[in-house]
Amino acid sequence: MSLKQVQKDVWQNKVNKGFNITDVEKEFCFLYGEVAEAYEAYRKKKDDLSEELADVAIYLLGLSEMLGFDLEDEIMKKVSKNERRVYKEINGVKVRVSD
């Protein structure tokens, strides 16, 4: 199954269950909350870290659908862009010097 299809399935589940499908600001807040839960699971070495990361991905996919973005396509473009970037280490820190 493609990420594009997963994005559509996540959206359909939101619609079917009556979850938020219109309030972008609220969805960003929910996404932020899921990232915080994932960090907390990592910090406390909880067994549910992978599930929390899945929640982050699900909220991100839903938000992408809400905003009309094909996240799979956007990720592929960004990965390609990142591969072309050139970095130089300055004082132990990688700094981008070109795109």
Protein backbone atom coordinates (compact mmCIF):
# COMPACT_ATOMS: atom_id res chain seq x y z
CA MET A 1 0.00 0.00 0.00
CA SER A 2 1.33 3.43 -0.90
CA LEU A 3 1.61 6.32 1.52
CA LYS A 4 -0.84 8.15 -0.75
CA GLN A 5 -3.44 5.43 -0.08
CA VAL A 6 -2.71 5.45 3.64
CA GLN A 7 -3.30 9.22 3.61
CA LYS A 8 -6.69 8.67 1.96
CA ASP A 9 -7.54 5.90 4.46
CA VAL A 10 -6.57 8.10 7.43
CA TRP A 11 -8.83 10.83 6.07
CA GLN A 12 -11.74 8.48 5.51
CA ASN A 13 -11.41 7.20 9.08
CA LYS A 14 -11.56 10.79 10.36
CA VAL A 15 -14.71 11.39 8.32
CA ASN A 16 -16.31 8.09 9.36
CA LYS A 17 -15.62 8.67 13.07
CA GLY A 18 -16.66 12.33 13.08
CA PHE A 19 -13.20 13.67 13.94
CA ASN A 20 -12.00 17.17 13.06
CA ILE A 21 -11.77 17.67 9.29
CA THR A 22 -12.06 21.46 9.03
CA ASP A 23 -10.10 23.22 11.78
CA VAL A 24 -6.46 23.35 10.63
CA GLU A 25 -5.23 25.13 13.75
CA LYS A 26 -6.80 22.50 15.98
CA GLU A 27 -5.19 19.74 13.90
CA PHE A 28 -1.75 21.34 14.30
CA CYS A 29 -2.36 21.38 18.06
CA PHE A 30 -3.30 17.70 18.02
CA LEU A 31 -0.17 16.92 15.97
CA TYR A 32 1.97 18.85 18.44
CA GLY A 33 0.38 16.89 21.29
CA GLU A 34 1.19 13.60 19.59
CA VAL A 35 4.82 14.65 19.10
CA ALA A 36 4.97 15.54 22.80
CA GLU A 37 3.53 12.12 23.71
CA ALA A 38 6.13 10.41 21.50
CA TYR A 39 8.93 12.38 23.14
CA GLU A 40 7.60 11.52 26.58
CA ALA A 41 7.47 7.83 25.65
CA TYR A 42 11.07 8.06 24.42
CA ARG A 43 12.24 9.96 27.49
CA LYS A 44 10.61 7.53 29.89
CA LYS A 45 11.63 4.49 27.82
CA LYS A 46 8.00 3.37 27.48
CA ASP A 47 7.06 0.37 25.37
CA ASP A 48 4.56 2.37 23.31
CA LEU A 49 7.03 4.70 21.58
CA SER A 50 6.44 3.10 18.17
CA GLU A 51 2.68 3.52 18.58
CA GLU A 52 3.13 7.16 19.54
CA LEU A 53 5.28 7.72 16.44
CA ALA A 54 2.54 6.08 14.38
CA ASP A 55 0.06 8.56 15.89
CA VAL A 56 2.33 11.42 14.79
CA ALA A 57 2.37 10.04 11.24
CA ILE A 58 -1.41 9.57 11.24
CA TYR A 59 -2.06 13.15 12.34
CA LEU A 60 0.47 14.43 9.79
CA LEU A 61 -1.22 12.47 7.01
CA GLY A 62 -4.64 13.73 8.06
CA LEU A 63 -3.41 17.32 8.17
CA SER A 64 -1.82 16.92 4.74
CA GLU A 65 -5.12 15.67 3.32
CA MET A 66 -6.97 18.52 5.02
CA LEU A 67 -4.62 21.02 3.37
CA GLY A 68 -4.70 19.29 -0.03
CA PHE A 69 -1.10 18.02 -0.11
CA ASP A 70 0.04 14.63 -1.33
CA LEU A 71 2.48 13.95 1.50
CA GLU A 72 4.10 11.00 -0.31
CA ASP A 73 4.95 13.26 -3.26
CA GLU A 74 6.16 16.06 -0.98
CA ILE A 75 8.41 13.66 0.95
CA MET A 76 9.94 12.30 -2.25
CA LYS A 77 10.66 15.83 -3.52
CA LYS A 78 12.20 16.83 -0.18
CA VAL A 79 14.37 13.69 0.04
CA SER A 80 15.68 14.43 -3.46
CA LYS A 81 16.36 18.06 -2.52
CA ASN A 82 18.17 17.00 0.67
CA GLU A 83 20.36 14.57 -1.29
CA ARG A 84 21.61 17.45 -3.49
CA ARG A 85 22.45 19.74 -0.58
CA VAL A 86 26.08 20.23 0.38
CA TYR A 87 27.16 20.67 3.99
CA LYS A 88 30.42 21.78 5.58
CA GLU A 89 31.41 21.17 9.15
CA ILE A 90 32.15 24.37 11.05
CA ASN A 91 33.21 24.08 14.68
CA GLY A 92 31.71 20.60 14.88
CA VAL A 93 28.35 21.66 13.39
CA LYS A 94 27.14 20.75 9.89
CA VAL A 95 26.14 23.92 8.02
CA ARG A 96 24.44 23.89 4.63
CA VAL A 97 26.56 25.69 2.06
CA SER A 98 24.46 25.03 -1.07
CA ASP A 99 21.23 23.55 -2.35
